[in-house]
Each structure stands twice: as C-alpha cells, then as structure tokens.
Amino acid sequence: MEQEHNYHLGFNSGFLLAKYKRALVTKLTQSIRCTSAYLQGLSDGKAEYDKSMQQEKLKELESLRTWDRGGYGPLD
C-alpha cells in the first residue's frame, strides 16, 4: 500500500515537473535508475505528460488541416 502511495506521489511530481521544470525532470529521469516506486512514478508521470502534449499537438494539427480544407478554423 505504501509503495502505491509513493508511486502516485512520484507520478504527480513527474507530471508537474515535466510541465513546469522540463530540463530538471529530464536530467533526473535520465540519470536515475528506477529503484523505488517513487522514482518509477516520477518517470511515468513525465512520460504521461509527454504523451498528453503530443496528443494536444495532434489535435491542433488536425484542426489546422480541417481549416485549410475550407472547413471551420481553429478559432471557430
């Protein structure tokens, strides 16, 4: 149960660090080996943020493509 709690703390920390302190979390996740639930959560949180940002960019690109084809634009 405590490992799960530590994982969630690490995940949330990793997600927020990826959002606000990108360079720091990148250095941390590259230099550490996942030896604890917290560190695994940190790494997974960063990865989840990266995934969500990629999805947002894809949505934006699709919106621009639709607009370019004469559809409704990104500001509609």
PDB file of N, CA and C in Angstrom:
ATOM      1  N   MET A   1       0.830  -1.192   0.000  1.00  0.00           N
ATOM      2  CA  MET A   1       0.000   0.000   0.000  1.00  0.00           C
ATOM      3  C   MET A   1       0.876   1.258   0.000  1.00  0.00           C
ATOM      4  N   GLU A   2       1.950   1.232   0.773  1.00  0.00           N
ATOM      5  CA  GLU A   2       2.832   2.399   0.812  1.00  0.00           C
ATOM      6  C   GLU A   2       3.551   2.588  -0.519  1.00  0.00           C
ATOM      7  N   GLN A   3       3.900   1.480  -1.180  1.00  0.00           N
ATOM      8  CA  GLN A   3       4.548   1.602  -2.487  1.00  0.00           C
ATOM      9  C   GLN A   3       3.617   2.259  -3.491  1.00  0.00           C
ATOM     10  N   GLU A   4       2.344   1.907  -3.434  1.00  0.00           N
ATOM     11  CA  GLU A   4       1.365   2.516  -4.334  1.00  0.00           C
ATOM     12  C   GLU A   4       1.251   4.021  -4.061  1.00  0.00           C
ATOM     13  N   HIS A   5       1.236   4.373  -2.789  1.00  0.00           N
ATOM     14  CA  HIS A   5       1.164   5.788  -2.410  1.00  0.00           C
ATOM     15  C   HIS A   5       2.402   6.531  -2.910  1.00  0.00           C
ATOM     16  N   ASN A   6       3.576   5.937  -2.720  1.00  0.00           N
ATOM     17  CA  ASN A   6       4.817   6.566  -3.185  1.00  0.00           C
ATOM     18  C   ASN A   6       4.853   6.683  -4.702  1.00  0.00           C
ATOM     19  N   TYR A   7       4.310   5.667  -5.389  1.00  0.00           N
ATOM     20  CA  TYR A   7       4.245   5.723  -6.845  1.00  0.00           C
ATOM     21  C   TYR A   7       3.386   6.905  -7.287  1.00  0.00           C
ATOM     22  N   HIS A   8       2.225   7.068  -6.658  1.00  0.00           N
ATOM     23  CA  HIS A   8       1.326   8.174  -7.022  1.00  0.00           C
ATOM     24  C   HIS A   8       1.973   9.528  -6.739  1.00  0.00           C
ATOM     25  N   LEU A   9       2.677   9.633  -5.634  1.00  0.00           N
ATOM     26  CA  LEU A   9       3.393  10.886  -5.336  1.00  0.00           C
ATOM     27  C   LEU A   9       4.442  11.174  -6.412  1.00  0.00           C
ATOM     28  N   GLY A  10       5.194  10.161  -6.778  1.00  0.00           N
ATOM     29  CA  GLY A  10       6.207  10.315  -7.816  1.00  0.00           C
ATOM     30  C   GLY A  10       5.602  10.656  -9.161  1.00  0.00           C
ATOM     31  N   PHE A  11       4.494   9.995  -9.494  1.00  0.00           N
ATOM     32  CA  PHE A  11       3.813  10.251 -10.765  1.00  0.00           C
ATOM     33  C   PHE A  11       3.368  11.710 -10.844  1.00  0.00           C
ATOM     34  N   ASN A  12       2.712  12.179  -9.795  1.00  0.00           N
ATOM     35  CA  ASN A  12       2.245  13.571  -9.784  1.00  0.00           C
ATOM     36  C   ASN A  12       3.414  14.544  -9.851  1.00  0.00           C
ATOM     37  N   SER A  13       4.483  14.237  -9.127  1.00  0.00           N
ATOM     38  CA  SER A  13       5.674  15.095  -9.172  1.00  0.00           C
ATOM     39  C   SER A  13       6.270  15.107 -10.569  1.00  0.00           C
ATOM     40  N   GLY A  14       6.379  13.947 -11.181  1.00  0.00           N
ATOM     41  CA  GLY A  14       6.940  13.861 -12.529  1.00  0.00           C
ATOM     42  C   GLY A  14       6.104  14.625 -13.545  1.00  0.00           C
ATOM     43  N   PHE A  15       4.787  14.522 -13.430  1.00  0.00           N
ATOM     44  CA  PHE A  15       3.893  15.221 -14.354  1.00  0.00           C
ATOM     45  C   PHE A  15       4.065  16.734 -14.207  1.00  0.00           C
ATOM     46  N   LEU A  16       4.054  17.212 -12.966  1.00  0.00           N
ATOM     47  CA  LEU A  16       4.180  18.656 -12.737  1.00  0.00           C
ATOM     48  C   LEU A  16       5.560  19.177 -13.095  1.00  0.00           C
ATOM     49  N   LEU A  17       6.590  18.412 -12.782  1.00  0.00           N
ATOM     50  CA  LEU A  17       7.936  18.838 -13.161  1.00  0.00           C
ATOM     51  C   LEU A  17       8.092  18.893 -14.675  1.00  0.00           C
ATOM     52  N   ALA A  18       7.500  17.942 -15.380  1.00  0.00           N
ATOM     53  CA  ALA A  18       7.566  17.961 -16.842  1.00  0.00           C
ATOM     54  C   ALA A  18       6.867  19.198 -17.398  1.00  0.00           C
ATOM     55  N   LYS A  19       5.821  19.617 -16.718  1.00  0.00           N
ATOM     56  CA  LYS A  19       5.066  20.784 -17.181  1.00  0.00           C
ATOM     57  C   LYS A  19       5.799  22.092 -16.888  1.00  0.00           C
ATOM     58  N   TYR A  20       6.389  22.204 -15.703  1.00  0.00           N
ATOM     59  CA  TYR A  20       6.945  23.486 -15.277  1.00  0.00           C
ATOM     60  C   TYR A  20       8.475  23.546 -15.216  1.00  0.00           C
ATOM     61  N   LYS A  21       9.130  22.417 -15.055  1.00  0.00           N
ATOM     62  CA  LYS A  21      10.598  22.378 -14.959  1.00  0.00           C
ATOM     63  C   LYS A  21      11.127  21.254 -15.836  1.00  0.00           C
ATOM     64  N   ARG A  22      10.905  21.385 -17.108  1.00  0.00           N
ATOM     65  CA  ARG A  22      11.202  20.336 -18.086  1.00  0.00           C
ATOM     66  C   ARG A  22      12.649  19.870 -18.043  1.00  0.00           C
ATOM     67  N   ALA A  23      13.589  20.801 -18.025  1.00  0.00           N
ATOM     68  CA  ALA A  23      15.005  20.433 -18.049  1.00  0.00           C
ATOM     69  C   ALA A  23      15.388  19.644 -16.801  1.00  0.00           C
ATOM     70  N   LEU A  24      14.856  20.031 -15.662  1.00  0.00           N
ATOM     71  CA  LEU A  24      15.174  19.351 -14.410  1.00  0.00           C
ATOM     72  C   LEU A  24      14.685  17.910 -14.420  1.00  0.00           C
ATOM     73  N   VAL A  25      13.433  17.694 -14.779  1.00  0.00           N
ATOM     74  CA  VAL A  25      12.899  16.334 -14.755  1.00  0.00           C
ATOM     75  C   VAL A  25      13.558  15.465 -15.825  1.00  0.00           C
ATOM     76  N   THR A  26      13.953  16.058 -16.927  1.00  0.00           N
ATOM     77  CA  THR A  26      14.656  15.298 -17.958  1.00  0.00           C
ATOM     78  C   THR A  26      15.996  14.815 -17.433  1.00  0.00           C
ATOM     79  N   LYS A  27      16.739  15.695 -16.770  1.00  0.00           N
ATOM     80  CA  LYS A  27      18.020  15.290 -16.184  1.00  0.00           C
ATOM     81  C   LYS A  27      17.831  14.226 -15.111  1.00  0.00           C
ATOM     82  N   LEU A  28      16.823  14.400 -14.288  1.00  0.00           N
ATOM     83  CA  LEU A  28      16.565  13.431 -13.221  1.00  0.00           C
ATOM     84  C   LEU A  28      16.236  12.059 -13.784  1.00  0.00           C
ATOM     85  N   THR A  29      15.343  12.007 -14.741  1.00  0.00           N
ATOM     86  CA  THR A  29      14.912  10.715 -15.256  1.00  0.00           C
ATOM     87  C   THR A  29      15.988  10.041 -16.106  1.00  0.00           C
ATOM     88  N   GLN A  30      16.880  10.813 -16.680  1.00  0.00           N
ATOM     89  CA  GLN A  30      17.965  10.226 -17.454  1.00  0.00           C
ATOM     90  C   GLN A  30      19.078   9.692 -16.554  1.00  0.00           C
ATOM     91  N   SER A  31      19.251  10.304 -15.394  1.00  0.00           N
ATOM     92  CA  SER A  31      20.389   9.945 -14.553  1.00  0.00           C
ATOM     93  C   SER A  31      20.058   8.940 -13.451  1.00  0.00           C
ATOM     94  N   ILE A  32      18.792   8.627 -13.239  1.00  0.00           N
ATOM     95  CA  ILE A  32      18.437   7.703 -12.165  1.00  0.00           C
ATOM     96  C   ILE A  32      17.991   6.360 -12.724  1.00  0.00           C
ATOM     97  N   ARG A  33      18.181   5.363 -11.925  1.00  0.00           N
ATOM     98  CA  ARG A  33      17.636   4.042 -12.245  1.00  0.00           C
ATOM     99  C   ARG A  33      16.441   3.844 -11.336  1.00  0.00           C
ATOM    100  N   CYS A  34      15.384   3.336 -11.874  1.00  0.00           N
ATOM    101  CA  CYS A  34      14.139   3.181 -11.121  1.00  0.00           C
ATOM    102  C   CYS A  34      14.299   2.075 -10.069  1.00  0.00           C
ATOM    103  N   THR A  35      14.685   2.476  -8.880  1.00  0.00           N
ATOM    104  CA  THR A  35      14.873   1.511  -7.805  1.00  0.00           C
ATOM    105  C   THR A  35      13.790   1.611  -6.748  1.00  0.00           C
ATOM    106  N   SER A  36      12.889   2.539  -6.908  1.00  0.00           N
ATOM    107  CA  SER A  36      11.817   2.673  -5.930  1.00  0.00           C
ATOM    108  C   SER A  36      10.513   3.021  -6.648  1.00  0.00           C
ATOM    109  N   ALA A  37       9.428   2.853  -5.937  1.00  0.00           N
ATOM    110  CA  ALA A  37       8.119   3.164  -6.509  1.00  0.00           C
ATOM    111  C   ALA A  37       8.025   4.652  -6.834  1.00  0.00           C
ATOM    112  N   TYR A  38       8.592   5.499  -5.985  1.00  0.00           N
ATOM    113  CA  TYR A  38       8.537   6.939  -6.227  1.00  0.00           C
ATOM    114  C   TYR A  38       9.258   7.298  -7.529  1.00  0.00           C
ATOM    115  N   LEU A  39      10.452   6.752  -7.727  1.00  0.00           N
ATOM    116  CA  LEU A  39      11.222   7.065  -8.930  1.00  0.00           C
ATOM    117  C   LEU A  39      10.557   6.513 -10.184  1.00  0.00           C
ATOM    118  N   GLN A  40       9.947   5.341 -10.075  1.00  0.00           N
ATOM    119  CA  GLN A  40       9.207   4.796 -11.209  1.00  0.00           C
ATOM    120  C   GLN A  40       8.016   5.693 -11.538  1.00  0.00           C
ATOM    121  N   GLY A  41       7.329   6.166 -10.507  1.00  0.00           N
ATOM    122  CA  GLY A  41       6.213   7.083 -10.707  1.00  0.00           C
ATOM    123  C   GLY A  41       6.665   8.391 -11.325  1.00  0.00           C
ATOM    124  N   LEU A  42       7.814   8.897 -10.898  1.00  0.00           N
ATOM    125  CA  LEU A  42       8.369  10.133 -11.455  1.00  0.00           C
ATOM    126  C   LEU A  42       8.595   9.982 -12.957  1.00  0.00           C
ATOM    127  N   SER A  43       9.202   8.877 -13.325  1.00  0.00           N
ATOM    128  CA  SER A  43       9.469   8.611 -14.738  1.00  0.00           C
ATOM    129  C   SER A  43       8.170   8.443 -15.528  1.00  0.00           C
ATOM    130  N   ASP A  44       7.226   7.715 -14.966  1.00  0.00           N
ATOM    131  CA  ASP A  44       5.946   7.503 -15.642  1.00  0.00           C
ATOM    132  C   ASP A  44       5.127   8.791 -15.742  1.00  0.00           C
ATOM    133  N   GLY A  45       5.202   9.638 -14.732  1.00  0.00           N
ATOM    134  CA  GLY A  45       4.495  10.918 -14.765  1.00  0.00           C
ATOM    135  C   GLY A  45       5.019  11.813 -15.870  1.00  0.00           C
ATOM    136  N   LYS A  46       6.336  11.841 -16.026  1.00  0.00           N
ATOM    137  CA  LYS A  46       6.947  12.610 -17.114  1.00  0.00           C
ATOM    138  C   LYS A  46       6.492  12.060 -18.459  1.00  0.00           C
ATOM    139  N   ALA A  47       6.496  10.745 -18.595  1.00  0.00           N
ATOM    140  CA  ALA A  47       6.079  10.117 -19.849  1.00  0.00           C
ATOM    141  C   ALA A  47       4.607  10.420 -20.155  1.00  0.00           C
ATOM    142  N   GLU A  48       3.772  10.419 -19.139  1.00  0.00           N
ATOM    143  CA  GLU A  48       2.347  10.726 -19.342  1.00  0.00           C
ATOM    144  C   GLU A  48       2.159  12.168 -19.796  1.00  0.00           C
ATOM    145  N   TYR A  49       2.919  13.095 -19.213  1.00  0.00           N
ATOM    146  CA  TYR A  49       2.825  14.489 -19.645  1.00  0.00           C
ATOM    147  C   TYR A  49       3.265  14.614 -21.104  1.00  0.00           C
ATOM    148  N   ASP A  50       4.368  13.950 -21.447  1.00  0.00           N
ATOM    149  CA  ASP A  50       4.847  13.982 -22.833  1.00  0.00           C
ATOM    150  C   ASP A  50       3.771  13.462 -23.786  1.00  0.00           C
ATOM    151  N   LYS A  51       3.133  12.373 -23.403  1.00  0.00           N
ATOM    152  CA  LYS A  51       2.077  11.784 -24.230  1.00  0.00           C
ATOM    153  C   LYS A  51       0.901  12.749 -24.388  1.00  0.00           C
ATOM    154  N   SER A  52       0.502  13.403 -23.310  1.00  0.00           N
ATOM    155  CA  SER A  52      -0.633  14.327 -23.384  1.00  0.00           C
ATOM    156  C   SER A  52      -0.291  15.535 -24.260  1.00  0.00           C
ATOM    157  N   MET A  53       0.955  15.992 -24.220  1.00  0.00           N
ATOM    158  CA  MET A  53       1.354  17.117 -25.065  1.00  0.00           C
ATOM    159  C   MET A  53       1.367  16.717 -26.538  1.00  0.00           C
ATOM    160  N   GLN A  54       1.786  15.500 -26.824  1.00  0.00           N
ATOM    161  CA  GLN A  54       1.766  15.029 -28.205  1.00  0.00           C
ATOM    162  C   GLN A  54       0.334  14.941 -28.722  1.00  0.00           C
ATOM    163  N   GLN A  55      -0.584  14.473 -27.881  1.00  0.00           N
ATOM    164  CA  GLN A  55      -1.986  14.398 -28.283  1.00  0.00           C
ATOM    165  C   GLN A  55      -2.562  15.784 -28.545  1.00  0.00           C
ATOM    166  N   GLU A  56      -2.197  16.766 -27.715  1.00  0.00           N
ATOM    167  CA  GLU A  56      -2.669  18.136 -27.940  1.00  0.00           C
ATOM    168  C   GLU A  56      -2.145  18.689 -29.261  1.00  0.00           C
ATOM    169  N   LYS A  57      -0.884  18.417 -29.568  1.00  0.00           N
ATOM    170  CA  LYS A  57      -0.313  18.891 -30.832  1.00  0.00           C
ATOM    171  C   LYS A  57      -0.999  18.240 -32.022  1.00  0.00           C
ATOM    172  N   LEU A  58      -1.308  16.953 -31.902  1.00  0.00           N
ATOM    173  CA  LEU A  58      -2.008  16.272 -32.989  1.00  0.00           C
ATOM    174  C   LEU A  58      -3.399  16.851 -33.205  1.00  0.00           C
ATOM    175  N   LYS A  59      -4.095  17.168 -32.123  1.00  0.00           N
ATOM    176  CA  LYS A  59      -5.420  17.784 -32.240  1.00  0.00           C
ATOM    177  C   LYS A  59      -5.322  19.142 -32.923  1.00  0.00           C
ATOM    178  N   GLU A  60      -4.301  19.903 -32.561  1.00  0.00           N
ATOM    179  CA  GLU A  60      -4.112  21.217 -33.161  1.00  0.00           C
ATOM    180  C   GLU A  60      -3.810  21.087 -34.651  1.00  0.00           C
ATOM    181  N   LEU A  61      -2.957  20.131 -35.010  1.00  0.00           N
ATOM    182  CA  LEU A  61      -2.649  19.923 -36.424  1.00  0.00           C
ATOM    183  C   LEU A  61      -3.886  19.509 -37.215  1.00  0.00           C
ATOM    184  N   GLU A  62      -4.693  18.638 -36.648  1.00  0.00           N
ATOM    185  CA  GLU A  62      -5.915  18.203 -37.321  1.00  0.00           C
ATOM    186  C   GLU A  62      -6.867  19.380 -37.504  1.00  0.00           C
ATOM    187  N   SER A  63      -6.936  20.233 -36.507  1.00  0.00           N
ATOM    188  CA  SER A  63      -7.774  21.414 -36.597  1.00  0.00           C
ATOM    189  C   SER A  63      -7.289  22.328 -37.725  1.00  0.00           C
ATOM    190  N   LEU A  64      -5.983  22.488 -37.839  1.00  0.00           N
ATOM    191  CA  LEU A  64      -5.422  23.324 -38.904  1.00  0.00           C
ATOM    192  C   LEU A  64      -5.656  22.693 -40.277  1.00  0.00           C
ATOM    193  N   ARG A  65      -5.560  21.371 -40.360  1.00  0.00           N
ATOM    194  CA  ARG A  65      -5.820  20.695 -41.633  1.00  0.00           C
ATOM    195  C   ARG A  65      -7.269  20.887 -42.070  1.00  0.00           C
ATOM    196  N   THR A  66      -8.181  20.759 -41.134  1.00  0.00           N
ATOM    197  CA  THR A  66      -9.598  20.951 -41.430  1.00  0.00           C
ATOM    198  C   THR A  66      -9.839  22.373 -41.908  1.00  0.00           C
ATOM    199  N   TRP A  67      -9.242  23.322 -41.250  1.00  0.00           N
ATOM    200  CA  TRP A  67      -9.384  24.725 -41.613  1.00  0.00           C
ATOM    201  C   TRP A  67      -8.812  24.981 -42.999  1.00  0.00           C
ATOM    202  N   ASP A  68      -7.666  24.354 -43.308  1.00  0.00           N
ATOM    203  CA  ASP A  68      -7.017  24.536 -44.590  1.00  0.00           C
ATOM    204  C   ASP A  68      -7.856  23.987 -45.730  1.00  0.00           C
ATOM    205  N   ARG A  69      -8.683  22.979 -45.467  1.00  0.00           N
ATOM    206  CA  ARG A  69      -9.537  22.379 -46.489  1.00  0.00           C
ATOM    207  C   ARG A  69     -10.845  23.125 -46.644  1.00  0.00           C
ATOM    208  N   GLY A  70     -10.983  24.269 -46.031  1.00  0.00           N
ATOM    209  CA  GLY A  70     -12.188  25.046 -46.183  1.00  0.00           C
ATOM    210  C   GLY A  70     -13.203  24.791 -45.104  1.00  0.00           C
ATOM    211  N   GLY A  71     -12.803  24.031 -44.107  1.00  0.00           N
ATOM    212  CA  GLY A  71     -13.722  23.771 -43.004  1.00  0.00           C
ATOM    213  C   GLY A  71     -13.657  24.884 -41.983  1.00  0.00           C
ATOM    214  N   TYR A  72     -14.177  24.612 -40.841  1.00  0.00           N
ATOM    215  CA  TYR A  72     -14.144  25.591 -39.768  1.00  0.00           C
ATOM    216  C   TYR A  72     -12.723  25.713 -39.224  1.00  0.00           C
ATOM    217  N   GLY A  73     -12.315  26.909 -38.933  1.00  0.00           N
ATOM    218  CA  GLY A  73     -10.958  27.166 -38.493  1.00  0.00           C
ATOM    219  C   GLY A  73     -10.747  26.923 -37.013  1.00  0.00           C
ATOM    220  N   PRO A  74      -9.510  27.031 -36.576  1.00  0.00           N
ATOM    221  CA  PRO A  74      -9.180  26.779 -35.184  1.00  0.00           C
ATOM    222  C   PRO A  74      -9.786  27.801 -34.230  1.00  0.00           C
ATOM    223  N   LEU A  75     -10.235  28.932 -34.759  1.00  0.00           N
ATOM    224  CA  LEU A  75     -10.798  29.973 -33.896  1.00  0.00           C
ATOM    225  C   LEU A  75     -12.322  29.936 -33.853  1.00  0.00           C
ATOM    226  N   ASP A  76     -12.906  29.043 -34.606  1.00  0.00           N
ATOM    227  CA  ASP A  76     -14.381  28.958 -34.652  1.00  0.00           C
ATOM    228  C   ASP A  76     -14.924  28.269 -33.430  1.00  0.00           C
TER     229      ASP A  76
END
